[in-house]
Amino acid sequence: AIAAALLVTTQFALYRMLDRFEADPLADARIPFARTTLAAAAHYLPFGAGVGTFVPVHARAEPVDVLLAERFANRAHNDVLELWLEMGYAGAGLLVLFAGWIAWRCFRVWRPSAPGSKSDRDLARAATLIVAVLAAHSLVDYPLRTGALVAVFAMACGLLVVPPPSRQLSSAPPLRERRSLRRARAENVA
């Protein structure tokens, strides 16, 4: 019974996977969306169209044949292009600064002599992989526009932040002892 169930479910799953590969990847709407986004971004340079204005700006820039095909672009399916359209040179500059920081942290984390404990280094190295995968995914989709994935991305970036230097425990007595010392001094003065 288990073998028959596996055989039947595998066939259904296999057919669904093969159907995905039958589609022509060049027939996807991402390439026309990217062209339209680039054309609209060039029109709004140097400042961009404004954050959150992708849908109306992209709709105005779409060619008539795309409008007649009844396709609707809610996102550019490329976070870099959407940032370029919405923020212009400022967005590109921020993206370059962020990419430079990520590259610097990756270099520092993956060195053999990286500081910190083994578990800290392993977490930071895993974070570099998470950031790289999500950044690559951002070139063909918009994962950083969804709450769950941006939270994972932020957590990974947080793991790449250099921790503050460790502080030595102070030689001061605990709070309870300090209070009792103050009371004793106050009583001696009185």
Protein backbone atom coordinates (compact mmCIF):
# COMPACT_ATOMS: atom_id res chain seq x y z
CA ALA A 1 0.00 0.00 0.00
CA ILE A 2 2.86 2.37 0.85
CA ALA A 3 4.61 1.59 -2.44
CA ALA A 4 1.41 2.19 -4.41
CA ALA A 5 0.80 5.47 -2.60
CA LEU A 6 4.37 6.61 -3.29
CA LEU A 7 4.06 5.61 -6.95
CA VAL A 8 0.83 7.55 -7.43
CA THR A 9 1.96 10.68 -5.55
CA THR A 10 5.36 10.67 -7.25
CA GLN A 11 3.71 10.60 -10.66
CA PHE A 12 1.50 13.56 -9.84
CA ALA A 13 4.42 15.51 -8.40
CA LEU A 14 6.65 14.59 -11.35
CA TYR A 15 4.07 15.72 -13.90
CA ARG A 16 3.63 19.04 -12.11
CA MET A 17 7.42 19.59 -12.06
CA LEU A 18 7.75 18.71 -15.74
CA ASP A 19 4.94 21.14 -16.59
CA ARG A 20 6.99 23.92 -15.00
CA PHE A 21 9.95 23.12 -17.26
CA GLU A 22 7.83 23.06 -20.42
CA ALA A 23 7.16 26.80 -20.20
CA ASP A 24 9.43 29.00 -22.27
CA PRO A 25 11.55 31.09 -19.87
CA LEU A 26 11.76 33.90 -22.42
CA ALA A 27 7.96 34.13 -22.53
CA ASP A 28 8.02 35.31 -18.93
CA ALA A 29 6.86 38.87 -18.35
CA ARG A 30 9.94 39.80 -16.30
CA ILE A 31 12.00 40.89 -19.31
CA PRO A 32 9.35 43.30 -20.67
CA PHE A 33 8.77 44.58 -17.13
CA ALA A 34 12.50 45.24 -16.80
CA ARG A 35 12.63 47.13 -20.12
CA THR A 36 9.67 49.29 -19.16
CA THR A 37 11.12 49.94 -15.70
CA LEU A 38 14.45 51.05 -17.19
CA ALA A 39 12.70 53.37 -19.64
CA ALA A 40 10.60 54.90 -16.87
CA ALA A 41 13.64 55.25 -14.59
CA ALA A 42 15.51 57.16 -17.29
CA HIS A 43 12.59 59.58 -17.48
CA TYR A 44 12.65 60.28 -13.72
CA LEU A 45 16.39 60.70 -13.21
CA PRO A 46 18.20 62.02 -11.16
CA PHE A 47 15.80 61.86 -8.19
CA GLY A 48 13.53 58.97 -9.14
CA ALA A 49 9.76 58.81 -9.12
CA GLY A 50 9.45 58.47 -5.35
CA VAL A 51 9.26 55.52 -3.02
CA GLY A 52 6.06 53.53 -3.49
CA THR A 53 5.21 54.96 -6.91
CA PHE A 54 6.16 51.92 -8.97
CA VAL A 55 2.65 50.80 -9.96
CA PRO A 56 1.32 54.10 -11.38
CA VAL A 57 4.63 55.08 -12.97
CA HIS A 58 5.11 51.66 -14.57
CA ALA A 59 1.51 51.64 -15.81
CA ARG A 60 2.03 55.00 -17.55
CA ALA A 61 5.26 53.80 -19.16
CA GLU A 62 3.97 50.47 -20.47
CA PRO A 63 3.58 50.12 -24.21
CA VAL A 64 0.05 49.76 -25.59
CA ASP A 65 0.53 46.14 -26.69
CA VAL A 66 1.39 45.17 -23.11
CA LEU A 67 -1.67 46.98 -21.80
CA LEU A 68 -3.86 45.11 -24.27
CA ALA A 69 -2.39 41.78 -23.11
CA GLU A 70 -4.06 42.43 -19.74
CA ARG A 71 -0.87 42.03 -17.72
CA PHE A 72 -0.43 43.99 -14.54
CA ALA A 73 2.91 44.72 -12.92
CA ASN A 74 2.68 45.20 -9.18
CA ARG A 75 6.48 44.95 -8.86
CA ALA A 76 9.42 45.12 -11.27
CA HIS A 77 10.51 41.56 -10.41
CA ASN A 78 13.96 43.07 -9.96
CA ASP A 79 14.57 44.95 -6.72
CA VAL A 80 17.56 46.81 -8.15
CA LEU A 81 15.58 48.19 -11.08
CA GLU A 82 12.65 49.10 -8.87
CA LEU A 83 14.98 50.94 -6.50
CA TRP A 84 16.51 52.74 -9.49
CA LEU A 85 13.06 53.81 -10.69
CA GLU A 86 11.83 54.94 -7.28
CA MET A 87 14.96 56.57 -5.84
CA GLY A 88 17.22 57.39 -8.78
CA TYR A 89 20.87 58.14 -8.06
CA ALA A 90 20.33 58.27 -4.29
CA GLY A 91 18.97 54.72 -4.28
CA ALA A 92 21.83 53.54 -6.47
CA GLY A 93 24.33 55.20 -4.16
CA LEU A 94 22.81 53.59 -1.07
CA LEU A 95 22.81 50.24 -2.82
CA VAL A 96 26.49 50.62 -3.74
CA LEU A 97 27.37 51.57 -0.15
CA PHE A 98 25.45 48.59 1.20
CA ALA A 99 27.06 46.23 -1.32
CA GLY A 100 30.49 47.57 -0.34
CA TRP A 101 29.77 47.00 3.34
CA ILE A 102 28.54 43.47 2.65
CA ALA A 103 31.63 42.71 0.55
CA TRP A 104 33.92 44.07 3.29
CA ARG A 105 32.16 42.04 5.98
CA CYS A 106 32.27 38.90 3.82
CA PHE A 107 36.00 39.38 3.34
CA ARG A 108 36.52 39.84 7.09
CA VAL A 109 34.27 36.95 8.11
CA TRP A 110 35.70 34.39 5.71
CA ARG A 111 39.34 35.04 6.63
CA PRO A 112 41.00 32.14 8.44
CA SER A 113 41.95 34.48 11.28
CA ALA A 114 38.46 35.96 11.78
CA PRO A 115 37.92 37.05 15.40
CA GLY A 116 35.34 35.54 17.69
CA SER A 117 34.36 32.08 18.78
CA LYS A 118 33.82 29.27 16.31
CA SER A 119 30.05 29.48 16.65
CA ASP A 120 30.12 33.27 16.05
CA ARG A 121 32.24 32.80 12.93
CA ASP A 122 29.96 30.03 11.67
CA LEU A 123 26.86 32.17 12.19
CA ALA A 124 28.44 35.13 10.41
CA ARG A 125 29.56 32.91 7.53
CA ALA A 126 26.07 31.44 7.21
CA ALA A 127 24.71 34.99 7.23
CA THR A 128 26.90 35.90 4.25
CA LEU A 129 25.38 33.00 2.33
CA ILE A 130 21.85 34.08 3.24
CA VAL A 131 22.54 37.64 2.13
CA ALA A 132 24.09 36.42 -1.14
CA VAL A 133 21.18 34.11 -1.96
CA LEU A 134 18.55 36.74 -1.23
CA ALA A 135 20.49 39.38 -3.17
CA ALA A 136 20.72 37.04 -6.16
CA HIS A 137 17.02 36.26 -5.85
CA SER A 138 16.33 40.01 -5.86
CA LEU A 139 17.60 40.22 -9.43
CA VAL A 140 14.77 38.03 -10.75
CA ASP A 141 12.01 38.62 -8.21
CA TYR A 142 11.17 40.79 -5.22
CA PRO A 143 11.91 38.78 -2.07
CA LEU A 144 12.98 41.84 -0.11
CA ARG A 145 9.53 43.36 -0.58
CA THR A 146 7.92 40.60 1.50
CA GLY A 147 7.90 40.76 5.28
CA ALA A 148 9.20 37.28 6.07
CA LEU A 149 12.19 37.39 3.75
CA VAL A 150 13.18 40.94 4.63
CA ALA A 151 13.16 39.85 8.30
CA VAL A 152 15.51 36.96 7.45
CA PHE A 153 17.69 39.36 5.44
CA ALA A 154 17.81 41.86 8.32
CA MET A 155 18.69 39.12 10.78
CA ALA A 156 21.50 37.95 8.52
CA CYS A 157 22.81 41.51 8.17
CA GLY A 158 22.63 41.86 11.94
CA LEU A 159 24.82 38.80 12.31
CA LEU A 160 27.41 40.55 10.14
CA VAL A 161 27.64 43.65 12.33
CA VAL A 162 30.87 43.87 14.28
CA PRO A 163 30.08 43.28 17.94
CA PRO A 164 31.23 45.88 20.45
CA PRO A 165 34.41 45.06 22.32
CA SER A 166 33.75 42.89 25.34
CA ARG A 167 33.70 44.77 28.60
CA GLN A 168 35.46 43.47 31.62
CA LEU A 169 33.24 42.89 34.61
CA SER A 170 33.62 45.81 36.90
CA SER A 171 35.00 45.32 40.38
CA ALA A 172 32.11 47.31 41.81
CA PRO A 173 29.91 45.39 44.23
CA PRO A 174 26.39 44.37 43.17
CA LEU A 175 23.58 46.89 43.45
CA ARG A 176 22.18 45.46 46.71
CA GLU A 177 25.56 45.76 48.42
CA ARG A 178 26.01 49.33 47.18
CA ARG A 179 22.63 50.32 48.62
CA SER A 180 23.44 48.82 51.99
CA LEU A 181 26.84 50.57 51.96
CA ARG A 182 25.11 53.91 51.26
CA ARG A 183 22.65 53.35 54.09
CA ALA A 184 25.48 52.48 56.47
CA ARG A 185 27.39 55.64 55.48
CA ALA A 186 24.24 57.74 55.92
CA GLU A 187 23.68 56.31 59.38
CA ASN A 188 27.31 56.93 60.39
CA VAL A 189 27.11 60.54 59.25
CA ALA A 190 23.91 61.15 61.20
